Amino acid sequence: MSPPSAQTDRFVHDRLPPRAQWPELRYDLPELRVPDQVNLVHELLGRAGERGWAGRQLFIAPGRTLTYGQAQREVNRIARVLTDELKLQPGNRVLLRGGNSIAMALAWLAVVKAGLIAVATMPLLRAAELRQVIDKAQPAAALCDAGLLSELELAAPAASGPMPILAFNAADTPGSLEQRAAAAPEAFEACPTAADDIALLAFTSGTTGAPKAVVHTHRDVLAACNAWPRHVLKATPDDVVTGSPPLAFTFGLGGLLVFPMAAGSAIYFPDARYTPEGMVREMGAHGVTICYTSPTFYRQMAPHARAIGIPGLRICVSAGEALPDATRQLWKEATGIEMLDGIGATEMFHIFISSAGGEVRRGAIGKAVPGYQAKVVDEQGREVPRGTVGRLAVIGPTGCRYMDDARQTRYVRQGWNHPGDAFVQDEDGYFHYQARDDDMIITSGYNVGGPEVEDCLLAHPAVAECGVVGKPDDERGMLIKAFVVLKPGQEPGAAMVKTLQDHVKHSIAPYKYPREIEFVQALPRTETGKLQRFRLRQGS
């Protein structure tokens, strides 16, 4: 018999979709099976001493470092503030607002250790966007970086009832989280959560419409730690990890917090104002061995990596958006490292298709991660023949459960998760990304994936960045339009348009060339680095 839930506040539990709409959750590998009563922070941090890691560095940042043992004491003190001073109860939601920092990481860990539900928000959200999160999640308290308080204070009055806000990264400010925690006891027993108690609400990013709140349990996060990180990434206690994805994004939460902790690795949080050159220098100075960032940032770092070198770097993870092969090859030429690609989703917590090392195949993202199964299906959910474009469907130890959202039935069908991506699976089981379902361009009867054309354009030496979309056209249904950012010193104009069109015609099937090219200074991107093609379509 499963242990009872420890979360006395049932707000989120009561707003889960009906069981019939849940994905099927599979735990086919022994390492994916989690005890029915477990607190993920106690498992990752509280057991560090048993694993011999108490004295090992966990967090490194300019001017501050913490070992696993020191971090545990800091987390305990913050948990004491939440439970003893604020009187929060298990299941209450706590809004977290901050960039990547030691203070933000400690706050997140304390919230979850106390049996509360972490609701992390992107640092660049404005008051109107924060108000949507507050209205949906109904947080009982907020922990916010002192430098980001203004927008939250504008948004907070929309919450029903009072919501105390404690500032962090404000050690010298009376009443700050640091000052309160410094006076709190350093002992704290982790809340005895059931594995299926809720650890976090992750709000989806980067699209239009009302935000969706994805629910993930303690079981989900611990199972994810033993899927892609264990079988593909293979980090060790000697690794130092860094990157750019925000901790409020599940890609960042996994890669830059819970996955390194599961391996006993150290995490380096750079100064928030880093540049591509600065990031290369910081990785070298701090012995970084694993890096997570977007293809765009790898492309920007490549010339500096070639000139300066990053001798300790051994694994480079790209996710968050499609990885153009031109970027993969550019980075490999600069560093000698074969980039590790992957596709994941907020709804699935992290990466479920990927390959590393000798298993990398050019042009493919990879194979289904052990513990997951994936297939390419038609609109009725039937698997299509290998080599045929279709929609991706995934099943495994994690899956989509939206809180109180009718869009649940669009994502989960017959127990399978449908992330909304068009793929081709080859005869060897490798998955080749085509586009988002709604980014496929149908022109004169041909299906063209925008990322394929982008990859081709990026291979031209004049192109720094590009985005490709379909533009409505009476004759062809849609025509292919490219938005191009040129490298410094390159001149836009009719001659460059023809040069780039000819380059595409000679590199891939001629019908895939962009009939329109618009030169722009920058491309619209989300805070996580994803290209916002819907905004490009609006501008077509």
Protein backbone atom coordinates (compact mmCIF):
# COMPACT_ATOMS: atom_id res chain seq x y z
CA MET A 1 0.00 0.00 0.00
CA SER A 2 1.38 3.42 -0.99
CA PRO A 3 2.18 5.86 1.84
CA PRO A 4 -0.27 8.74 2.29
CA SER A 5 0.51 12.11 0.81
CA ALA A 6 2.33 14.50 3.14
CA GLN A 7 0.91 17.51 1.30
CA THR A 8 -1.99 18.76 3.38
CA ASP A 9 -2.66 21.60 0.95
CA ARG A 10 -4.42 19.75 -1.89
CA PHE A 11 -4.74 22.71 -4.27
CA VAL A 12 -2.58 21.18 -7.04
CA HIS A 13 -3.54 17.55 -6.39
CA ASP A 14 -7.21 18.50 -6.80
CA ARG A 15 -6.51 20.17 -10.15
CA LEU A 16 -4.66 17.31 -11.83
CA PRO A 17 -6.32 15.95 -14.97
CA PRO A 18 -8.59 12.90 -14.62
CA ARG A 19 -6.58 9.66 -14.47
CA ALA A 20 -7.94 8.61 -17.86
CA GLN A 21 -6.12 11.59 -19.39
CA TRP A 22 -2.75 10.86 -17.78
CA PRO A 23 0.14 9.49 -19.80
CA GLU A 24 1.15 5.92 -19.16
CA LEU A 25 4.23 6.03 -16.94
CA ARG A 26 6.70 3.19 -17.46
CA TYR A 27 9.55 2.21 -15.18
CA ASP A 28 11.06 -0.56 -17.31
CA LEU A 29 14.61 -0.26 -15.92
CA PRO A 30 15.44 -1.03 -12.27
CA GLU A 31 17.16 2.33 -11.75
CA LEU A 32 13.93 4.16 -12.66
CA ARG A 33 11.99 2.64 -9.77
CA VAL A 34 11.76 5.03 -6.86
CA PRO A 35 10.64 4.20 -3.27
CA ASP A 36 7.01 5.15 -2.69
CA GLN A 37 8.07 7.50 0.09
CA VAL A 38 10.95 9.76 -0.88
CA ASN A 39 11.92 13.42 -0.82
CA LEU A 40 14.05 14.23 -3.82
CA VAL A 41 16.15 16.89 -2.06
CA HIS A 42 16.89 14.58 0.85
CA GLU A 43 17.86 11.91 -1.71
CA LEU A 44 20.18 14.23 -3.66
CA LEU A 45 21.58 16.43 -0.89
CA GLY A 46 20.78 14.77 2.43
CA ARG A 47 22.53 11.55 1.42
CA ALA A 48 25.65 13.31 0.11
CA GLY A 49 27.50 12.46 3.32
CA GLU A 50 26.73 8.75 2.92
CA ARG A 51 28.26 8.93 -0.54
CA GLY A 52 31.41 10.64 0.72
CA TRP A 53 30.58 13.97 -0.91
CA ALA A 54 29.98 16.21 2.14
CA GLY A 55 33.35 17.93 1.73
CA ARG A 56 33.23 18.15 -2.07
CA GLN A 57 32.40 21.43 -3.75
CA LEU A 58 28.81 21.73 -4.92
CA PHE A 59 28.31 25.41 -5.80
CA ILE A 60 30.97 27.74 -7.21
CA ALA A 61 30.36 31.38 -8.12
CA PRO A 62 32.41 34.59 -8.22
CA GLY A 63 33.23 35.29 -4.57
CA ARG A 64 31.52 32.26 -3.04
CA THR A 65 31.75 28.47 -2.88
CA LEU A 66 29.77 25.88 -0.91
CA THR A 67 30.44 22.20 -0.31
CA TYR A 68 27.63 19.65 -0.29
CA GLY A 69 27.67 19.71 3.51
CA GLN A 70 27.60 23.51 3.71
CA ALA A 71 24.80 23.68 1.13
CA GLN A 72 22.73 21.25 3.15
CA ARG A 73 23.00 23.44 6.24
CA GLU A 74 22.03 26.54 4.23
CA VAL A 75 19.05 24.72 2.72
CA ASN A 76 17.94 23.60 6.17
CA ARG A 77 18.04 27.15 7.51
CA ILE A 78 15.92 28.45 4.62
CA ALA A 79 13.45 25.58 5.10
CA ARG A 80 13.19 26.62 8.74
CA VAL A 81 12.30 30.17 7.70
CA LEU A 82 9.60 28.85 5.38
CA THR A 83 8.03 26.52 7.91
CA ASP A 84 8.75 28.13 11.31
CA GLU A 85 8.45 31.82 10.43
CA LEU A 86 6.11 31.89 7.45
CA LYS A 87 4.12 28.90 8.73
CA LEU A 88 3.90 27.36 5.25
CA GLN A 89 2.31 23.92 4.99
CA PRO A 90 3.27 21.01 2.70
CA GLY A 91 1.60 21.50 -0.64
CA ASN A 92 1.66 25.32 -0.47
CA ARG A 93 3.15 26.86 -3.59
CA VAL A 94 6.19 29.14 -3.36
CA LEU A 95 7.00 31.42 -6.27
CA LEU A 96 10.74 31.70 -7.02
CA ARG A 97 12.13 34.53 -9.11
CA GLY A 98 15.80 34.87 -9.90
CA GLY A 99 18.58 34.26 -12.36
CA ASN A 100 21.05 31.41 -11.98
CA SER A 101 22.85 31.88 -8.67
CA ILE A 102 23.76 29.97 -5.55
CA ALA A 103 21.00 31.80 -3.66
CA MET A 104 18.37 30.81 -6.23
CA ALA A 105 19.51 27.16 -6.14
CA LEU A 106 19.44 27.05 -2.33
CA ALA A 107 15.96 28.57 -2.26
CA TRP A 108 14.60 26.01 -4.74
CA LEU A 109 16.10 23.11 -2.79
CA ALA A 110 14.71 24.41 0.52
CA VAL A 111 11.20 24.78 -0.88
CA VAL A 112 11.10 21.21 -2.16
CA LYS A 113 12.78 19.73 0.93
CA ALA A 114 10.03 21.31 3.05
CA GLY A 115 7.34 19.53 1.00
CA LEU A 116 6.29 22.78 -0.66
CA ILE A 117 5.81 23.16 -4.41
CA ALA A 118 8.39 25.23 -6.30
CA VAL A 119 7.00 27.61 -8.92
CA ALA A 120 10.11 29.06 -10.57
CA THR A 121 9.63 31.93 -13.01
CA MET A 122 11.85 33.30 -15.76
CA PRO A 123 13.84 36.38 -14.70
CA LEU A 124 12.69 38.46 -17.68
CA LEU A 125 8.95 38.05 -17.07
CA ARG A 126 7.12 41.32 -16.59
CA ALA A 127 4.30 42.07 -14.15
CA ALA A 128 1.47 41.08 -16.50
CA GLU A 129 3.10 37.70 -17.16
CA LEU A 130 3.87 37.14 -13.48
CA ARG A 131 0.26 37.97 -12.66
CA GLN A 132 -0.87 35.07 -14.88
CA VAL A 133 1.42 32.70 -12.97
CA ILE A 134 0.25 34.02 -9.60
CA ASP A 135 -3.41 33.77 -10.54
CA LYS A 136 -2.99 30.18 -11.68
CA ALA A 137 -0.61 28.83 -9.02
CA GLN A 138 -1.94 30.82 -6.04
CA PRO A 139 1.43 30.89 -4.23
CA ALA A 140 1.48 31.32 -0.46
CA ALA A 141 4.84 33.14 -0.52
CA ALA A 142 7.52 34.34 -2.90
CA LEU A 143 11.33 34.29 -2.76
CA CYS A 144 12.79 36.83 -5.15
CA ASP A 145 16.21 38.12 -6.14
CA ALA A 146 16.54 41.65 -4.77
CA GLY A 147 17.32 42.95 -8.25
CA LEU A 148 14.03 41.64 -9.66
CA LEU A 149 11.58 42.78 -6.99
CA SER A 150 9.92 45.63 -8.88
CA GLU A 151 7.93 43.60 -11.41
CA LEU A 152 6.89 41.05 -8.78
CA GLU A 153 5.67 43.79 -6.46
CA LEU A 154 3.57 45.18 -9.32
CA ALA A 155 2.13 41.72 -9.99
CA ALA A 156 1.60 40.58 -6.39
CA PRO A 157 -1.58 42.57 -5.65
CA ALA A 158 -3.37 40.34 -8.18
CA ALA A 159 -2.92 37.35 -5.85
CA SER A 160 -5.88 36.43 -3.69
CA GLY A 161 -4.85 37.20 -0.12
CA PRO A 162 -1.51 38.40 1.22
CA MET A 163 1.67 36.89 -0.23
CA PRO A 164 4.85 37.60 1.74
CA ILE A 165 7.87 38.30 -0.45
CA LEU A 166 11.39 37.65 0.88
CA ALA A 167 14.37 39.00 -1.05
CA PHE A 168 17.55 36.99 -1.57
CA ASN A 169 20.97 38.01 -2.83
CA ALA A 170 20.46 40.79 -0.27
CA ALA A 171 22.60 39.72 2.69
CA ASP A 172 22.98 43.28 4.00
CA THR A 173 19.26 44.09 3.84
CA PRO A 174 17.26 43.75 7.08
CA GLY A 175 14.55 41.11 6.73
CA SER A 176 16.15 39.47 3.69
CA LEU A 177 16.07 35.71 3.27
CA GLU A 178 19.78 35.51 4.07
CA GLN A 179 19.43 37.48 7.32
CA ARG A 180 16.44 35.42 8.46
CA ALA A 181 18.16 32.15 7.54
CA ALA A 182 21.35 33.12 9.38
CA ALA A 183 19.39 33.20 12.64
CA ALA A 184 17.57 29.90 12.00
CA PRO A 185 18.67 26.44 13.24
CA GLU A 186 20.71 24.42 10.75
CA ALA A 187 18.91 21.14 11.43
CA PHE A 188 15.76 20.30 9.48
CA GLU A 189 14.09 16.97 8.82
CA ALA A 190 12.97 16.63 5.21
CA CYS A 191 9.22 16.49 4.75
CA PRO A 192 8.28 12.78 4.43
CA THR A 193 6.73 13.24 1.01
CA ALA A 194 5.20 10.42 -0.94
CA ALA A 195 7.03 9.88 -4.24
CA ASP A 196 3.89 11.04 -6.05
CA ASP A 197 3.66 14.25 -4.05
CA ILE A 198 4.28 17.30 -6.20
CA ALA A 199 7.71 18.93 -6.30
CA LEU A 200 7.24 21.66 -8.87
CA LEU A 201 5.00 23.48 -11.28
CA ALA A 202 6.85 24.36 -14.48
CA PHE A 203 5.21 27.03 -16.60
CA THR A 204 5.75 26.56 -20.32
CA SER A 205 7.71 29.20 -22.20
CA GLY A 206 7.99 30.74 -25.61
CA THR A 207 4.58 30.41 -27.24
CA THR A 208 1.36 32.38 -27.37
CA GLY A 209 -1.76 32.03 -25.28
CA ALA A 210 -2.28 31.42 -21.58
CA PRO A 211 0.67 29.70 -19.86
CA LYS A 212 0.37 26.01 -19.06
CA ALA A 213 1.44 24.74 -15.64
CA VAL A 214 3.14 21.34 -15.89
CA VAL A 215 3.11 19.21 -12.75
CA HIS A 216 6.17 17.11 -11.82
CA THR A 217 6.47 14.89 -8.75
CA HIS A 218 9.41 13.82 -6.60
CA ARG A 219 9.26 10.49 -8.45
CA ASP A 220 9.43 12.21 -11.85
CA VAL A 221 12.59 14.17 -11.04
CA LEU A 222 14.43 11.23 -9.47
CA ALA A 223 13.50 8.94 -12.35
CA ALA A 224 14.74 11.58 -14.81
CA CYS A 225 18.07 11.68 -12.93
CA ASN A 226 18.52 7.99 -13.77
CA ALA A 227 17.52 8.18 -17.44
CA TRP A 228 19.39 10.53 -19.80
CA PRO A 229 22.08 11.65 -17.28
CA ARG A 230 22.96 8.09 -16.32
CA HIS A 231 22.90 6.49 -19.76
CA VAL A 232 24.02 9.30 -22.09
CA LEU A 233 25.66 12.17 -20.17
CA LYS A 234 27.56 9.98 -17.66
CA ALA A 235 28.81 12.81 -15.43
CA THR A 236 31.15 12.00 -12.53
CA PRO A 237 32.02 13.57 -9.16
CA ASP A 238 35.07 15.11 -10.84
CA ASP A 239 33.00 17.14 -13.29
CA VAL A 240 32.33 20.89 -13.06
CA VAL A 241 29.13 21.89 -14.85
CA THR A 242 28.04 25.28 -16.18
CA GLY A 243 25.68 26.74 -18.73
CA SER A 244 23.12 29.38 -19.63
CA PRO A 245 19.62 27.82 -19.34
CA PRO A 246 17.66 29.41 -16.48
CA LEU A 247 16.88 27.26 -13.44
CA ALA A 248 13.24 28.23 -14.03
CA PHE A 249 13.40 26.18 -17.27
CA THR A 250 13.40 22.41 -16.73
CA PHE A 251 16.36 22.09 -19.12
CA GLY A 252 18.32 24.34 -16.75
CA LEU A 253 16.89 22.83 -13.56
CA GLY A 254 17.99 19.38 -14.67
CA GLY A 255 21.32 20.24 -16.26
CA LEU A 256 22.46 22.88 -13.78
CA LEU A 257 21.10 21.59 -10.48
CA VAL A 258 19.53 18.17 -9.94
CA PHE A 259 21.53 16.12 -12.48
CA PRO A 260 24.96 17.31 -11.24
CA MET A 261 23.86 16.68 -7.65
CA ALA A 262 22.85 13.13 -8.55
CA ALA A 263 26.38 12.56 -9.86
CA GLY A 264 28.26 14.40 -7.09
CA SER A 265 29.48 17.04 -9.55
CA ALA A 266 30.16 20.72 -8.90
CA ILE A 267 28.13 23.53 -10.48
CA TYR A 268 29.62 26.86 -11.56
CA PHE A 269 27.25 29.82 -11.81
CA PRO A 270 28.95 32.58 -13.82
CA ASP A 271 28.26 36.26 -13.43
CA ALA A 272 24.93 37.09 -15.07
CA ARG A 273 26.58 39.56 -17.45
CA TYR A 274 28.77 37.06 -19.28
CA THR A 275 29.49 37.37 -23.01
CA PRO A 276 30.49 34.58 -25.43
CA GLU A 277 34.17 35.46 -24.97
CA GLY A 278 33.74 35.88 -21.23
CA MET A 279 32.03 32.51 -20.92
CA VAL A 280 34.91 30.80 -22.72
CA ARG A 281 37.42 32.44 -20.39
CA GLU A 282 35.38 31.59 -17.27
CA MET A 283 35.05 27.94 -18.30
CA GLY A 284 38.80 27.70 -18.67
CA ALA A 285 39.49 29.52 -15.40
CA HIS A 286 37.15 27.34 -13.33
CA GLY A 287 37.96 23.98 -14.87
CA VAL A 288 34.52 23.47 -16.41
CA THR A 289 34.14 20.04 -17.98
CA ILE A 290 30.44 20.03 -18.99
CA CYS A 291 28.57 22.90 -20.62
CA TYR A 292 24.87 23.34 -21.41
CA THR A 293 23.71 26.09 -23.72
CA SER A 294 21.79 26.79 -26.92
CA PRO A 295 23.10 26.29 -30.46
CA THR A 296 23.12 30.06 -30.97
CA PHE A 297 25.45 30.62 -28.02
CA TYR A 298 27.77 27.78 -29.06
CA ARG A 299 28.00 29.43 -32.45
CA GLN A 300 28.90 32.75 -30.84
CA MET A 301 31.48 31.13 -28.54
CA ALA A 302 33.18 29.09 -31.30
CA PRO A 303 35.70 31.70 -32.53
CA HIS A 304 36.73 32.49 -28.95
CA ALA A 305 37.02 28.79 -28.06
CA ARG A 306 39.30 28.33 -31.06
CA ALA A 307 41.45 31.34 -30.15
CA ILE A 308 41.59 30.89 -26.35
CA GLY A 309 40.98 27.17 -25.82
CA ILE A 310 39.01 25.38 -23.07
CA PRO A 311 41.37 22.55 -22.13
CA GLY A 312 39.22 20.84 -19.50
CA LEU A 313 35.96 20.81 -21.43
CA ARG A 314 34.82 17.30 -22.39
CA ILE A 315 31.00 17.35 -22.89
CA CYS A 316 28.90 20.02 -24.58
CA VAL A 317 25.13 19.62 -24.42
CA SER A 318 22.84 21.41 -26.85
CA ALA A 319 19.10 21.52 -26.38
CA GLY A 320 16.24 23.97 -26.16
CA GLU A 321 16.05 24.35 -29.94
CA ALA A 322 17.10 22.42 -33.04
CA LEU A 323 20.87 22.03 -33.44
CA PRO A 324 21.93 22.91 -37.01
CA ASP A 325 24.61 20.58 -38.31
CA ALA A 326 26.57 23.65 -39.42
CA THR A 327 26.78 24.73 -35.77
CA ARG A 328 27.76 21.23 -34.64
CA GLN A 329 30.61 21.13 -37.15
CA LEU A 330 31.71 24.70 -36.37
CA TRP A 331 31.99 23.82 -32.66
CA LYS A 332 33.78 20.56 -33.40
CA GLU A 333 36.34 22.38 -35.56
CA ALA A 334 36.88 24.94 -32.78
CA THR A 335 37.17 22.51 -29.85
CA GLY A 336 37.47 18.97 -31.19
CA ILE A 337 34.33 18.06 -29.20
CA GLU A 338 31.37 16.25 -30.78
CA MET A 339 28.36 18.08 -29.41
CA LEU A 340 25.75 16.06 -27.51
CA ASP A 341 22.34 16.88 -28.95
CA GLY A 342 18.98 16.08 -27.42
CA ILE A 343 15.31 16.84 -27.54
CA GLY A 344 13.23 17.19 -24.43
CA ALA A 345 10.14 19.02 -23.26
CA THR A 346 8.95 20.83 -20.17
CA GLU A 347 6.07 18.36 -20.12
CA MET A 348 8.53 15.42 -19.97
CA PHE A 349 10.92 17.28 -17.62
CA HIS A 350 14.06 16.77 -19.71
CA ILE A 351 15.73 14.98 -22.64
CA PHE A 352 14.23 11.75 -24.01
CA ILE A 353 16.00 11.42 -27.39
CA SER A 354 19.78 11.80 -27.59
CA SER A 355 23.07 10.11 -28.45
CA ALA A 356 26.63 10.70 -27.39
CA GLY A 357 30.18 9.95 -28.44
CA GLY A 358 30.58 7.21 -31.01
CA GLU A 359 26.81 6.83 -31.35
CA VAL A 360 26.34 10.31 -32.81
CA ARG A 361 25.08 10.26 -36.38
CA ARG A 362 25.38 13.38 -38.48
CA GLY A 363 22.02 15.04 -39.11
CA ALA A 364 20.22 13.03 -36.41
CA ILE A 365 19.37 13.99 -32.84
CA GLY A 366 19.82 10.41 -31.70
CA LYS A 367 17.82 7.45 -30.41
CA ALA A 368 15.31 7.10 -27.61
CA VAL A 369 17.06 7.38 -24.24
CA PRO A 370 17.02 4.10 -22.24
CA GLY A 371 13.80 4.06 -20.25
CA TYR A 372 11.86 5.86 -22.99
CA GLN A 373 10.22 4.64 -26.16
CA ALA A 374 9.53 6.89 -29.14
CA LYS A 375 7.86 6.47 -32.50
CA VAL A 376 6.72 8.56 -35.45
CA VAL A 377 2.96 8.44 -36.01
CA ASP A 378 0.23 9.80 -38.26
CA GLU A 379 -2.72 11.92 -37.12
CA GLN A 380 -4.53 8.80 -35.87
CA GLY A 381 -1.57 7.72 -33.75
CA ARG A 382 -0.53 4.86 -36.06
CA GLU A 383 3.19 4.37 -36.54
CA VAL A 384 4.33 5.37 -40.03
CA PRO A 385 6.96 3.51 -42.10
CA ARG A 386 10.60 4.35 -41.40
CA GLY A 387 11.76 7.27 -43.52
CA THR A 388 8.32 8.94 -43.47
CA VAL A 389 7.63 12.33 -41.90
CA GLY A 390 5.17 12.17 -39.02
CA ARG A 391 4.52 13.31 -35.49
CA LEU A 392 6.67 12.27 -32.57
CA ALA A 393 5.07 10.21 -29.77
CA VAL A 394 6.96 9.34 -26.56
CA ILE A 395 6.35 7.22 -23.48
CA GLY A 396 8.52 6.58 -20.42
CA PRO A 397 9.02 7.33 -16.71
CA THR A 398 7.93 10.98 -17.06
CA GLY A 399 4.97 12.50 -18.83
CA CYS A 400 2.62 15.42 -19.21
CA ARG A 401 0.13 16.40 -16.54
CA TYR A 402 -1.13 19.94 -16.89
CA MET A 403 -2.75 21.57 -13.89
CA ASP A 404 -6.38 22.48 -14.60
CA ASP A 405 -5.96 22.79 -18.37
CA ALA A 406 -8.18 21.50 -21.19
CA ARG A 407 -5.10 21.23 -23.43
CA GLN A 408 -4.14 17.99 -21.62
CA THR A 409 -5.97 15.87 -24.21
CA ARG A 410 -4.02 17.49 -27.05
CA TYR A 411 -0.70 16.48 -25.51
CA VAL A 412 -1.56 13.00 -24.20
CA ARG A 413 -3.37 10.54 -26.46
CA GLN A 414 -3.83 6.86 -25.74
CA GLY A 415 -1.21 7.11 -22.99
CA TRP A 416 1.49 8.54 -25.29
CA ASN A 417 2.94 12.05 -25.07
CA HIS A 418 2.84 14.13 -28.26
CA PRO A 419 5.38 16.98 -27.92
CA GLY A 420 4.30 18.62 -31.19
CA ASP A 421 7.38 17.89 -33.32
CA ALA A 422 7.64 16.48 -36.82
CA PHE A 423 10.32 13.77 -37.19
CA VAL A 424 11.61 11.05 -39.47
CA GLN A 425 12.97 7.83 -37.96
CA ASP A 426 15.52 5.98 -40.08
CA GLU A 427 15.98 2.22 -40.39
CA ASP A 428 18.59 2.19 -37.60
CA GLY A 429 16.25 3.87 -35.11
CA TYR A 430 17.79 7.37 -35.27
CA PHE A 431 15.37 10.29 -35.11
CA HIS A 432 15.82 13.20 -37.51
CA TYR A 433 14.13 16.44 -36.53
CA GLN A 434 12.08 18.19 -39.23
CA ALA A 435 10.19 21.02 -37.48
CA ARG A 436 7.52 21.80 -34.98
CA ASP A 437 4.21 20.45 -36.29
CA ASP A 438 3.05 23.98 -37.00
CA ASP A 439 6.41 24.97 -38.54
CA MET A 440 6.24 22.54 -41.47
CA ILE A 441 6.11 24.50 -44.70
CA ILE A 442 3.93 22.96 -47.43
CA THR A 443 4.94 24.59 -50.69
CA SER A 444 3.66 23.41 -54.09
CA GLY A 445 2.87 20.03 -52.51
CA TYR A 446 6.32 19.57 -50.93
CA ASN A 447 6.85 19.33 -47.16
CA VAL A 448 9.84 21.42 -46.11
CA GLY A 449 11.15 21.74 -42.55
CA GLY A 450 12.30 25.25 -41.73
CA PRO A 451 15.27 24.00 -39.64
CA GLU A 452 16.72 22.16 -42.65
CA VAL A 453 16.82 25.37 -44.68
CA GLU A 454 18.21 27.25 -41.67
CA ASP A 455 20.98 24.69 -41.33
CA CYS A 456 21.89 25.13 -45.00
CA LEU A 457 21.96 28.94 -44.76
CA LEU A 458 24.09 28.82 -41.59
CA ALA A 459 26.73 26.90 -43.53
CA HIS A 460 27.33 29.99 -45.67
CA PRO A 461 30.20 32.13 -44.32
CA ALA A 462 28.17 35.36 -44.57
CA VAL A 463 25.36 34.21 -42.26
CA ALA A 464 25.46 34.70 -38.48
CA GLU A 465 21.87 33.65 -37.67
CA CYS A 466 18.69 32.89 -39.57
CA GLY A 467 15.09 31.82 -39.18
CA VAL A 468 12.92 30.25 -41.88
CA VAL A 469 9.12 30.22 -42.02
CA GLY A 470 6.30 29.70 -44.48
CA LYS A 471 4.55 32.74 -45.93
CA PRO A 472 1.03 32.40 -47.36
CA ASP A 473 1.07 32.48 -51.15
CA ASP A 474 -1.82 32.20 -53.61
CA GLU A 475 0.18 30.23 -56.17
CA ARG A 476 2.17 27.81 -53.98
CA GLY A 477 0.05 27.71 -50.85
CA MET A 478 3.15 28.80 -48.95
CA LEU A 479 6.51 30.08 -50.02
CA ILE A 480 9.73 29.78 -48.05
CA LYS A 481 10.92 33.00 -46.45
CA ALA A 482 14.21 33.45 -44.59
CA PHE A 483 15.08 36.13 -42.05
CA VAL A 484 18.86 36.50 -42.02
CA VAL A 485 21.32 38.21 -39.68
CA LEU A 486 24.57 38.78 -41.57
CA LYS A 487 28.03 38.68 -40.04
CA PRO A 488 29.85 42.01 -39.58
CA GLY A 489 31.23 43.35 -42.84
CA GLN A 490 28.66 41.58 -45.04
CA GLU A 491 26.41 43.78 -47.16
CA PRO A 492 22.66 43.08 -47.46
CA GLY A 493 20.99 43.62 -50.80
CA ALA A 494 19.91 41.91 -54.01
CA ALA A 495 23.37 40.46 -54.68
CA MET A 496 23.48 38.80 -51.24
CA VAL A 497 19.93 37.48 -51.71
CA LYS A 498 20.96 35.75 -54.94
CA THR A 499 24.16 34.45 -53.38
CA LEU A 500 22.28 32.81 -50.52
CA GLN A 501 19.52 31.46 -52.76
CA ASP A 502 22.09 29.88 -55.07
CA HIS A 503 23.90 28.41 -52.08
CA VAL A 504 20.71 26.66 -50.93
CA LYS A 505 19.83 25.44 -54.43
CA HIS A 506 23.25 23.83 -54.79
CA SER A 507 23.28 22.32 -51.28
CA ILE A 508 19.82 20.77 -50.88
CA ALA A 509 16.81 20.11 -53.13
CA PRO A 510 16.23 23.27 -55.20
CA TYR A 511 12.54 23.52 -54.25
CA LYS A 512 13.67 24.21 -50.67
CA TYR A 513 15.37 27.51 -51.46
CA PRO A 514 13.93 30.67 -49.83
CA ARG A 515 12.08 32.69 -52.45
CA GLU A 516 12.16 35.67 -50.11
CA ILE A 517 15.04 36.77 -47.88
CA GLU A 518 14.73 39.63 -45.41
CA PHE A 519 17.84 40.94 -43.67
CA VAL A 520 17.34 41.82 -39.99
CA GLN A 521 19.54 42.98 -37.10
CA ALA A 522 18.36 40.29 -34.66
CA LEU A 523 15.94 37.37 -34.40
CA PRO A 524 13.15 37.10 -31.82
CA ARG A 525 14.03 34.53 -29.17
CA THR A 526 12.62 33.38 -25.86
CA GLU A 527 14.58 33.75 -22.63
CA THR A 528 15.71 30.14 -23.07
CA GLY A 529 17.11 30.86 -26.54
CA LYS A 530 14.37 29.32 -28.66
CA LEU A 531 13.68 31.01 -31.97
CA GLN A 532 10.14 32.40 -31.97
CA ARG A 533 9.07 31.47 -35.47
CA PHE A 534 5.49 32.55 -34.78
CA ARG A 535 6.77 36.13 -34.51
CA LEU A 536 8.61 35.75 -37.80
CA ARG A 537 5.38 34.48 -39.39
CA GLN A 538 3.54 37.49 -38.01
CA GLY A 539 6.11 39.70 -39.73
CA SER A 540 5.87 37.90 -43.08
